[in-house]
Amino acid sequence: MRDLSQPRVAVIGAGITGTTTAYNLAKRGCVVTLFDKHPYAAMETSFANGGQLSASNAEVWNSWATVFKGIKWMFTPGAPLLVNPTPSWHKLSWMAEFIAAIPKNEENTVTTVRLAIEARAHLTRMAEEAGISFDCEERGILHFYETKADFDAAAKTTALLARGGLERRAVTPSEIAAIEPALKGNIYGGFYTESDFTGDIHKFTNGLAAACERLGVTMKLATQVLDVKADDDNVTIRHRSSEPRLDEQEWPEEVSQFDKVVVCSGVISRDIAASLGDRVNVYPVKGYSITVSLPEPEDQKAAPWVSLLDDKAKIVTSRLGQTRFRVAGTAEFNGINKDIRAERIEPLVSWCRKHFPGMSTRQSVPWAGLRPMMPDMMPRVMRGKNPRVFYNTGHGHLGWTLSAATADAVAALATARSNVA
């Protein structure tokens, strides 16, 4: 008879959320199988994000100001927030729920801050346990503002973040110059969070995937999940290899059975949940980034080391080692669409040239990824209607920031004592 103290658990999705979940389940003694259609971990939303592990960016977006900006910018291609006006039931239902969540803005922000602070300890622990090098820079995050009005609005946010336990302090233009001498521009003031840090999400996730293998996790990478079913006795996953074949035929389907499944599938989570009788109203919100190569000493000197956030432009930065600089931002509501649009990349390049005129952008690689975002901006860590089904998804733009905590939470939930084994 199989040892019921070691449940067989499938995790679907090998991004930052799925990989941290698999690691936590394996550490709790589960027999884990990790599925992903790509041959490597972290090849979609976890590939080239902004790099910030930022409790200071935990304010949820649910506000009338966001709604009005979205309407105002709808026909401005380079706007920080862009909504494709073509209607769909998914988009309309999501936006209706977004508006309905506005009264919970403060409550959800405070909860997110607390979760982000908790996640720091979990992520640091995992990195130390697994010996992962991921270009971590513990230099804090600096939010900066060009006008008094924007600075004053940020002061209100600072008070809200403080309710969640985060300390960030106001800084003057001279203090900003001392914190990050490379930053140029007409700056009124800012807020500095010393406890925030940055790192390369792709490097971390792949390092943790290797640690999962060492713990005995079965890595079903380059494997397309075709169907997931759950009943009283088990979870059945139908899948096939997604590796190309010389004869250009599809690989035969396989069927695997598990005691439990955790869905960590990003923007695909909604469809998988629907097939299991659950509703997880994730919407794909596209974000863009550029990774600027810094091959010359003068470029390296002109690029900042401290992580930055320009609230007005909705742009964040991270220094990834000596020779790479990541710039990310914008939010685009355009369905499942991974096209890299020139008019969305150009503002990122122009922003670099404005604030770091001595840094060349001649070698920059553009990227776009789909953030899995819930209408209330809160991740879903929960059990499905079937007690064998669990979800850890919907982190939006804070997947890198929150995943270490939500992975610990869903692993605890999935291994809690129950009559399901």
Protein backbone atom coordinates (compact mmCIF):
# COMPACT_ATOMS: atom_id res chain seq x y z
CA MET A 1 0.00 0.00 0.00
CA ARG A 2 1.28 3.45 -0.91
CA ASP A 3 2.45 5.70 1.90
CA LEU A 4 -0.46 8.17 2.20
CA SER A 5 1.78 10.60 4.09
CA GLN A 6 3.44 11.34 0.74
CA PRO A 7 0.64 12.57 -1.53
CA ARG A 8 1.26 12.73 -5.27
CA VAL A 9 0.77 16.36 -6.28
CA ALA A 10 0.83 17.84 -9.78
CA VAL A 11 1.74 21.50 -10.24
CA ILE A 12 0.74 23.04 -13.56
CA GLY A 13 2.98 25.92 -14.60
CA ALA A 14 6.74 26.38 -14.10
CA GLY A 15 6.86 30.15 -13.77
CA ILE A 16 7.87 31.79 -10.50
CA THR A 17 4.58 30.82 -8.84
CA GLY A 18 4.55 27.19 -9.93
CA THR A 19 8.24 26.58 -9.24
CA THR A 20 8.10 28.06 -5.73
CA THR A 21 4.95 25.98 -5.12
CA ALA A 22 6.63 22.76 -6.29
CA TYR A 23 9.64 23.49 -4.09
CA ASN A 24 7.50 24.09 -1.01
CA LEU A 25 5.44 20.94 -1.61
CA ALA A 26 8.58 18.85 -2.06
CA LYS A 27 10.04 20.24 1.18
CA ARG A 28 6.83 19.12 2.91
CA GLY A 29 7.33 15.55 1.73
CA CYS A 30 5.01 15.45 -1.28
CA VAL A 31 5.79 13.49 -4.42
CA VAL A 32 5.65 16.36 -6.91
CA THR A 33 5.39 16.53 -10.69
CA LEU A 34 5.84 19.94 -12.33
CA PHE A 35 4.27 20.50 -15.77
CA ASP A 36 5.05 23.24 -18.29
CA LYS A 37 4.72 23.43 -22.06
CA HIS A 38 8.13 25.10 -22.42
CA PRO A 39 11.41 23.14 -22.24
CA TYR A 40 12.69 25.42 -19.47
CA ALA A 41 11.21 27.12 -16.43
CA ALA A 42 10.21 30.80 -16.46
CA MET A 43 9.78 31.27 -20.20
CA GLU A 44 6.65 33.45 -20.18
CA THR A 45 5.62 36.12 -17.63
CA SER A 46 8.59 35.17 -15.41
CA PHE A 47 11.12 35.72 -18.20
CA ALA A 48 11.96 39.45 -18.23
CA ASN A 49 9.86 41.41 -15.76
CA GLY A 50 10.89 44.61 -14.00
CA GLY A 51 12.93 42.76 -11.39
CA GLN A 52 11.57 44.56 -8.33
CA LEU A 53 10.72 42.74 -5.11
CA SER A 54 8.71 45.71 -4.05
CA ALA A 55 6.44 45.92 -1.03
CA SER A 56 6.52 49.66 -1.76
CA ASN A 57 4.61 49.03 -5.01
CA ALA A 58 1.82 47.08 -3.31
CA GLU A 59 -0.95 49.65 -3.70
CA VAL A 60 -3.77 48.01 -5.64
CA TRP A 61 -4.96 49.76 -8.80
CA ASN A 62 -8.66 49.80 -7.94
CA SER A 63 -9.59 53.49 -7.94
CA TRP A 64 -11.72 55.90 -9.94
CA ALA A 65 -8.52 57.72 -10.91
CA THR A 66 -7.31 54.55 -12.68
CA VAL A 67 -10.66 54.18 -14.44
CA PHE A 68 -10.63 57.78 -15.68
CA LYS A 69 -7.00 57.50 -16.84
CA GLY A 70 -7.86 54.33 -18.75
CA ILE A 71 -10.67 56.14 -20.56
CA LYS A 72 -8.52 59.20 -21.23
CA TRP A 73 -5.62 57.17 -22.62
CA MET A 74 -7.69 54.68 -24.64
CA PHE A 75 -6.64 56.13 -27.99
CA THR A 76 -3.06 57.13 -27.05
CA PRO A 77 -0.77 54.31 -28.28
CA GLY A 78 2.15 55.14 -25.97
CA ALA A 79 0.10 55.73 -22.80
CA PRO A 80 1.11 53.96 -19.57
CA LEU A 81 -2.33 52.29 -19.44
CA LEU A 82 -3.95 51.19 -22.69
CA VAL A 83 -7.31 49.45 -23.15
CA ASN A 84 -8.33 47.94 -26.45
CA PRO A 85 -11.88 49.31 -26.89
CA THR A 86 -13.10 46.16 -28.65
CA PRO A 87 -15.55 44.60 -26.17
CA SER A 88 -15.55 41.02 -24.94
CA TRP A 89 -17.56 39.40 -22.17
CA HIS A 90 -14.36 38.50 -20.32
CA LYS A 91 -13.03 42.05 -20.43
CA LEU A 92 -16.37 43.64 -19.48
CA SER A 93 -16.99 41.26 -16.58
CA TRP A 94 -13.45 41.81 -15.32
CA MET A 95 -13.78 45.59 -15.46
CA ALA A 96 -17.15 45.50 -13.70
CA GLU A 97 -15.54 43.51 -10.87
CA PHE A 98 -12.58 45.90 -10.87
CA ILE A 99 -14.94 48.82 -10.23
CA ALA A 100 -16.84 46.84 -7.61
CA ALA A 101 -13.57 46.33 -5.70
CA ILE A 102 -12.79 50.07 -5.44
CA PRO A 103 -14.28 50.36 -1.91
CA LYS A 104 -11.77 47.72 -0.73
CA ASN A 105 -8.74 49.61 -2.09
CA GLU A 106 -7.22 50.41 1.30
CA GLU A 107 -7.96 47.02 2.85
CA ASN A 108 -6.51 45.12 -0.09
CA THR A 109 -3.44 47.37 -0.23
CA VAL A 110 -2.66 46.77 3.45
CA THR A 111 -3.11 43.01 2.99
CA THR A 112 -0.82 43.02 -0.05
CA VAL A 113 1.89 44.95 1.81
CA ARG A 114 1.85 42.44 4.65
CA LEU A 115 2.05 39.56 2.20
CA ALA A 116 4.95 41.21 0.35
CA ILE A 117 6.91 41.69 3.57
CA GLU A 118 6.31 38.04 4.51
CA ALA A 119 7.41 36.92 1.04
CA ARG A 120 10.86 38.51 1.47
CA ALA A 121 11.79 36.10 4.23
CA HIS A 122 10.56 33.06 2.29
CA LEU A 123 12.40 34.05 -0.90
CA THR A 124 15.64 34.78 0.94
CA ARG A 125 15.38 31.42 2.70
CA MET A 126 14.85 29.55 -0.57
CA ALA A 127 17.75 31.33 -2.25
CA GLU A 128 20.05 30.43 0.65
CA GLU A 129 18.86 26.81 0.86
CA ALA A 130 19.23 26.25 -2.88
CA GLY A 131 22.38 28.35 -3.35
CA ILE A 132 20.80 30.49 -6.07
CA SER A 133 22.63 33.46 -7.58
CA PHE A 134 20.14 35.80 -9.25
CA ASP A 135 21.81 39.22 -9.52
CA CYS A 136 20.23 40.33 -6.25
CA GLU A 137 20.78 43.98 -5.38
CA GLU A 138 19.79 45.01 -1.85
CA ARG A 139 19.92 48.77 -2.46
CA GLY A 140 16.28 49.67 -1.82
CA ILE A 141 13.73 51.14 -4.22
CA LEU A 142 13.37 54.85 -4.91
CA HIS A 143 10.03 56.32 -6.05
CA PHE A 144 10.48 59.77 -7.56
CA TYR A 145 8.07 62.56 -8.56
CA GLU A 146 8.38 65.63 -10.74
CA THR A 147 5.54 67.67 -9.19
CA LYS A 148 4.35 68.59 -5.70
CA ALA A 149 0.88 67.24 -6.48
CA ASP A 150 2.23 63.80 -7.33
CA PHE A 151 4.52 63.84 -4.29
CA ASP A 152 1.63 64.77 -1.99
CA ALA A 153 -0.51 61.96 -3.40
CA ALA A 154 2.35 59.54 -2.76
CA ALA A 155 2.55 60.75 0.84
CA LYS A 156 -1.00 59.45 1.36
CA THR A 157 0.05 56.11 -0.11
CA THR A 158 3.04 56.03 2.24
CA ALA A 159 0.70 56.34 5.22
CA LEU A 160 -1.37 53.46 3.85
CA LEU A 161 1.70 51.28 3.33
CA ALA A 162 2.77 52.02 6.90
CA ARG A 163 -0.47 50.44 8.12
CA GLY A 164 0.77 47.23 6.51
CA GLY A 165 4.11 47.48 8.33
CA LEU A 166 6.27 49.00 5.59
CA GLU A 167 8.70 51.79 6.37
CA ARG A 168 9.55 54.19 3.56
CA ARG A 169 10.79 57.71 4.01
CA ALA A 170 10.43 60.96 2.13
CA VAL A 171 13.59 62.21 0.44
CA THR A 172 14.56 65.58 -1.00
CA PRO A 173 16.14 66.18 -4.42
CA SER A 174 19.58 66.41 -2.81
CA GLU A 175 19.02 63.14 -0.96
CA ILE A 176 17.83 61.52 -4.21
CA ALA A 177 21.05 62.66 -5.89
CA ALA A 178 23.04 61.03 -3.09
CA ILE A 179 21.01 57.79 -3.22
CA GLU A 180 21.29 57.46 -7.02
CA PRO A 181 23.70 59.92 -8.67
CA ALA A 182 22.98 58.57 -12.17
CA LEU A 183 19.36 59.77 -12.16
CA LYS A 184 18.86 63.06 -14.05
CA GLY A 185 15.79 65.28 -14.40
CA ASN A 186 13.67 67.91 -12.71
CA ILE A 187 12.62 66.03 -9.57
CA TYR A 188 10.51 67.54 -6.80
CA GLY A 189 11.00 64.74 -4.27
CA GLY A 190 10.57 61.06 -3.62
CA PHE A 191 10.14 58.17 -1.22
CA TYR A 192 12.83 55.61 -0.48
CA THR A 193 12.21 52.07 0.79
CA GLU A 194 15.50 50.65 2.00
CA SER A 195 14.11 47.16 2.69
CA ASP A 196 13.01 46.49 -0.91
CA PHE A 197 15.39 44.79 -3.33
CA THR A 198 15.69 43.48 -6.88
CA GLY A 199 16.85 40.45 -8.83
CA ASP A 200 16.58 38.45 -12.03
CA ILE A 201 13.36 36.43 -11.83
CA HIS A 202 14.41 34.14 -14.70
CA LYS A 203 17.71 33.23 -13.04
CA PHE A 204 16.02 32.66 -9.68
CA THR A 205 13.25 30.47 -11.09
CA ASN A 206 15.65 28.30 -13.06
CA GLY A 207 17.90 27.96 -10.03
CA LEU A 208 14.93 26.88 -7.95
CA ALA A 209 13.81 24.47 -10.69
CA ALA A 210 17.22 22.80 -10.43
CA ALA A 211 16.74 22.61 -6.66
CA CYS A 212 13.35 20.99 -7.21
CA GLU A 213 15.01 18.29 -9.30
CA ARG A 214 17.51 17.67 -6.52
CA LEU A 215 14.57 17.21 -4.14
CA GLY A 216 13.10 14.56 -6.41
CA VAL A 217 10.49 16.60 -8.27
CA THR A 218 9.60 15.06 -11.63
CA MET A 219 10.09 17.80 -14.21
CA LYS A 220 7.56 17.38 -17.01
CA LEU A 221 8.86 20.30 -19.05
CA ALA A 222 8.17 20.55 -22.78
CA THR A 223 4.85 18.92 -21.89
CA GLN A 224 1.48 20.32 -22.96
CA VAL A 225 -1.35 19.72 -20.48
CA LEU A 226 -4.39 18.86 -22.59
CA ASP A 227 -7.01 18.21 -19.94
CA VAL A 228 -7.42 18.09 -16.17
CA LYS A 229 -10.19 16.15 -14.41
CA ALA A 230 -10.81 15.66 -10.72
CA ASP A 231 -13.18 13.22 -9.02
CA ASP A 232 -13.59 11.66 -5.60
CA ASP A 233 -10.64 9.33 -6.06
CA ASN A 234 -7.91 11.23 -7.89
CA VAL A 235 -6.85 13.90 -10.36
CA THR A 236 -6.29 12.81 -13.95
CA ILE A 237 -4.09 14.85 -16.29
CA ARG A 238 -3.96 14.14 -20.00
CA HIS A 239 -0.77 15.47 -21.60
CA ARG A 240 1.68 15.09 -24.46
CA SER A 241 5.22 16.19 -25.25
CA SER A 242 5.50 19.58 -26.93
CA GLU A 243 8.97 18.85 -28.32
CA PRO A 244 9.21 19.10 -32.12
CA ARG A 245 9.52 15.85 -34.07
CA LEU A 246 11.44 15.22 -37.27
CA ASP A 247 8.34 13.66 -38.85
CA GLU A 248 6.28 16.70 -37.79
CA GLN A 249 3.70 14.45 -36.14
CA GLU A 250 2.29 14.96 -32.65
CA TRP A 251 3.57 12.86 -29.81
CA PRO A 252 1.10 10.33 -28.40
CA GLU A 253 -1.08 11.39 -25.50
CA GLU A 254 -0.28 10.18 -21.98
CA VAL A 255 -2.42 10.01 -18.87
CA SER A 256 -1.11 10.51 -15.32
CA GLN A 257 -2.97 10.33 -12.03
CA PHE A 258 -2.35 12.29 -8.85
CA ASP A 259 -3.89 12.78 -5.45
CA LYS A 260 -3.99 16.57 -5.82
CA VAL A 261 -3.26 19.35 -8.30
CA VAL A 262 -2.19 22.96 -7.84
CA VAL A 263 -2.98 25.26 -10.76
CA CYS A 264 -0.27 27.92 -11.17
CA SER A 265 -0.87 28.54 -14.84
CA GLY A 266 -0.87 32.32 -15.13
CA VAL A 267 -3.34 33.66 -17.68
CA ILE A 268 -4.40 30.10 -18.62
CA SER A 269 -5.62 29.46 -15.06
CA ARG A 270 -9.07 30.79 -15.93
CA ASP A 271 -9.65 28.13 -18.59
CA ILE A 272 -8.29 25.29 -16.44
CA ALA A 273 -10.43 26.45 -13.52
CA ALA A 274 -13.54 26.54 -15.71
CA SER A 275 -12.91 22.95 -16.81
CA LEU A 276 -12.79 21.97 -13.13
CA GLY A 277 -16.00 23.81 -12.25
CA ASP A 278 -14.28 26.81 -10.61
CA ARG A 279 -14.25 30.50 -11.46
CA VAL A 280 -10.91 32.31 -11.41
CA ASN A 281 -11.45 35.51 -13.38
CA VAL A 282 -7.83 36.18 -14.38
CA TYR A 283 -7.32 38.68 -17.19
CA PRO A 284 -4.07 38.92 -19.22
CA VAL A 285 -2.63 42.42 -18.68
CA LYS A 286 0.35 42.85 -20.98
CA GLY A 287 3.50 44.49 -19.71
CA TYR A 288 6.61 45.44 -21.67
CA SER A 289 10.29 45.62 -20.85
CA ILE A 290 13.64 46.33 -22.44
CA THR A 291 16.92 44.85 -21.27
CA VAL A 292 19.72 47.29 -22.05
CA SER A 293 23.20 45.85 -22.51
CA LEU A 294 25.97 47.88 -20.89
CA PRO A 295 29.13 46.68 -22.64
CA GLU A 296 31.22 49.82 -22.19
CA PRO A 297 32.52 51.27 -18.90
CA GLU A 298 30.87 54.62 -19.62
CA ASP A 299 27.47 52.91 -20.06
CA GLN A 300 27.92 51.01 -16.82
CA LYS A 301 28.77 54.21 -14.98
CA ALA A 302 25.81 56.11 -16.44
CA ALA A 303 23.23 53.43 -15.54
CA PRO A 304 21.69 53.40 -12.04
CA TRP A 305 22.27 50.70 -9.45
CA VAL A 306 19.40 51.68 -7.16
CA SER A 307 16.02 50.41 -8.36
CA LEU A 308 13.69 53.20 -9.48
CA LEU A 309 9.96 53.70 -9.91
CA ASP A 310 8.55 56.63 -11.85
CA ASP A 311 4.90 56.68 -10.76
CA LYS A 312 3.77 59.11 -13.44
CA ALA A 313 5.25 57.11 -16.32
CA LYS A 314 4.52 53.78 -14.55
CA ILE A 315 8.07 52.64 -15.26
CA VAL A 316 10.33 50.56 -13.01
CA THR A 317 14.02 49.70 -13.31
CA SER A 318 16.47 47.13 -12.00
CA ARG A 319 20.21 46.75 -12.42
CA LEU A 320 20.95 43.10 -13.21
CA GLY A 321 24.66 42.82 -12.61
CA GLN A 322 27.39 44.93 -14.12
CA THR A 323 26.32 44.68 -17.75
CA ARG A 324 22.47 44.63 -17.82
CA PHE A 325 19.80 47.21 -17.04
CA ARG A 326 16.10 46.28 -17.07
CA VAL A 327 13.37 48.88 -17.71
CA ALA A 328 9.72 47.79 -17.56
CA GLY A 329 6.28 49.26 -17.47
CA THR A 330 2.91 49.94 -19.07
CA ALA A 331 -0.30 47.95 -18.78
CA GLU A 332 -2.22 46.87 -21.85
CA PHE A 333 -5.68 45.26 -21.81
CA ASN A 334 -5.72 43.44 -25.13
CA GLY A 335 -6.55 39.80 -24.43
CA ILE A 336 -4.15 36.92 -25.09
CA ASN A 337 -1.79 38.91 -27.26
CA LYS A 338 1.99 38.75 -26.94
CA ASP A 339 2.84 41.03 -29.85
CA ILE A 340 5.68 43.44 -29.13
CA ARG A 341 4.46 46.80 -30.40
CA ALA A 342 6.99 49.48 -31.31
CA GLU A 343 4.80 52.30 -29.96
CA ARG A 344 4.82 50.59 -26.53
CA ILE A 345 8.59 50.04 -26.48
CA GLU A 346 9.51 53.55 -27.64
CA PRO A 347 8.40 55.25 -24.37
CA LEU A 348 10.71 52.95 -22.40
CA VAL A 349 13.69 53.85 -24.59
CA SER A 350 12.84 57.58 -24.54
CA TRP A 351 12.51 57.48 -20.76
CA CYS A 352 16.02 55.99 -20.51
CA ARG A 353 17.48 58.68 -22.75
CA LYS A 354 15.74 61.39 -20.72
CA HIS A 355 16.91 60.27 -17.30
CA PHE A 356 20.25 58.61 -18.18
CA PRO A 357 21.61 60.60 -21.14
CA GLY A 358 25.10 59.13 -20.80
CA MET A 359 23.86 55.55 -21.16
CA SER A 360 23.64 54.10 -24.66
CA THR A 361 20.43 52.25 -25.59
CA ARG A 362 21.79 50.95 -28.88
CA GLN A 363 21.77 47.37 -27.52
CA SER A 364 18.37 46.81 -25.97
CA VAL A 365 16.16 43.73 -26.22
CA PRO A 366 12.38 44.27 -26.09
CA TRP A 367 9.99 41.80 -24.45
CA ALA A 368 6.29 41.53 -23.61
CA GLY A 369 4.58 39.28 -21.07
CA LEU A 370 1.02 38.71 -19.87
CA ARG A 371 0.40 39.38 -16.20
CA PRO A 372 -2.36 37.18 -14.72
CA MET A 373 -4.46 39.79 -12.93
CA MET A 374 -7.59 39.41 -10.80
CA PRO A 375 -10.15 42.26 -10.75
CA ASP A 376 -9.44 43.07 -7.08
CA MET A 377 -5.66 42.73 -7.67
CA MET A 378 -5.43 40.01 -5.02
CA PRO A 379 -3.83 36.62 -5.78
CA ARG A 380 -6.02 33.55 -5.45
CA VAL A 381 -4.64 31.01 -2.99
CA MET A 382 -7.53 28.63 -2.44
CA ARG A 383 -9.09 25.20 -2.69
CA GLY A 384 -11.42 24.46 -5.60
CA LYS A 385 -14.88 22.92 -5.43
CA ASN A 386 -13.20 19.53 -5.58
CA PRO A 387 -11.06 19.16 -2.42
CA ARG A 388 -8.24 17.71 -4.52
CA VAL A 389 -7.87 20.95 -6.52
CA PHE A 390 -5.94 24.04 -5.42
CA TYR A 391 -5.03 27.39 -6.99
CA ASN A 392 -2.07 29.74 -6.62
CA THR A 393 -2.50 32.32 -9.35
CA GLY A 394 -3.64 35.85 -10.22
CA HIS A 395 -0.66 37.79 -8.83
CA GLY A 396 -0.75 40.43 -11.57
CA HIS A 397 2.29 42.71 -11.60
CA LEU A 398 3.45 41.42 -8.18
CA GLY A 399 4.17 37.78 -8.94
CA TRP A 400 7.90 38.16 -8.25
CA THR A 401 7.12 40.08 -5.07
CA LEU A 402 4.42 37.80 -3.61
CA SER A 403 5.00 34.29 -4.94
CA ALA A 404 7.34 33.08 -2.21
CA ALA A 405 4.63 33.73 0.40
CA THR A 406 1.67 32.43 -1.59
CA ALA A 407 3.61 29.26 -2.47
CA ASP A 408 4.18 28.60 1.20
CA ALA A 409 0.50 29.24 1.91
CA VAL A 410 -0.87 26.96 -0.81
CA ALA A 411 1.58 24.20 0.10
CA ALA A 412 0.38 24.38 3.70
CA LEU A 413 -3.23 24.29 2.50
CA ALA A 414 -2.65 21.33 0.19
CA THR A 415 -0.87 19.29 2.89
CA ALA A 416 -3.21 20.16 5.74
CA ARG A 417 -4.80 17.18 7.49
CA SER A 418 -8.03 16.14 5.81
CA ASN A 419 -9.91 13.09 4.65
CA VAL A 420 -8.43 13.51 1.17
CA ALA A 421 -5.17 11.70 0.47
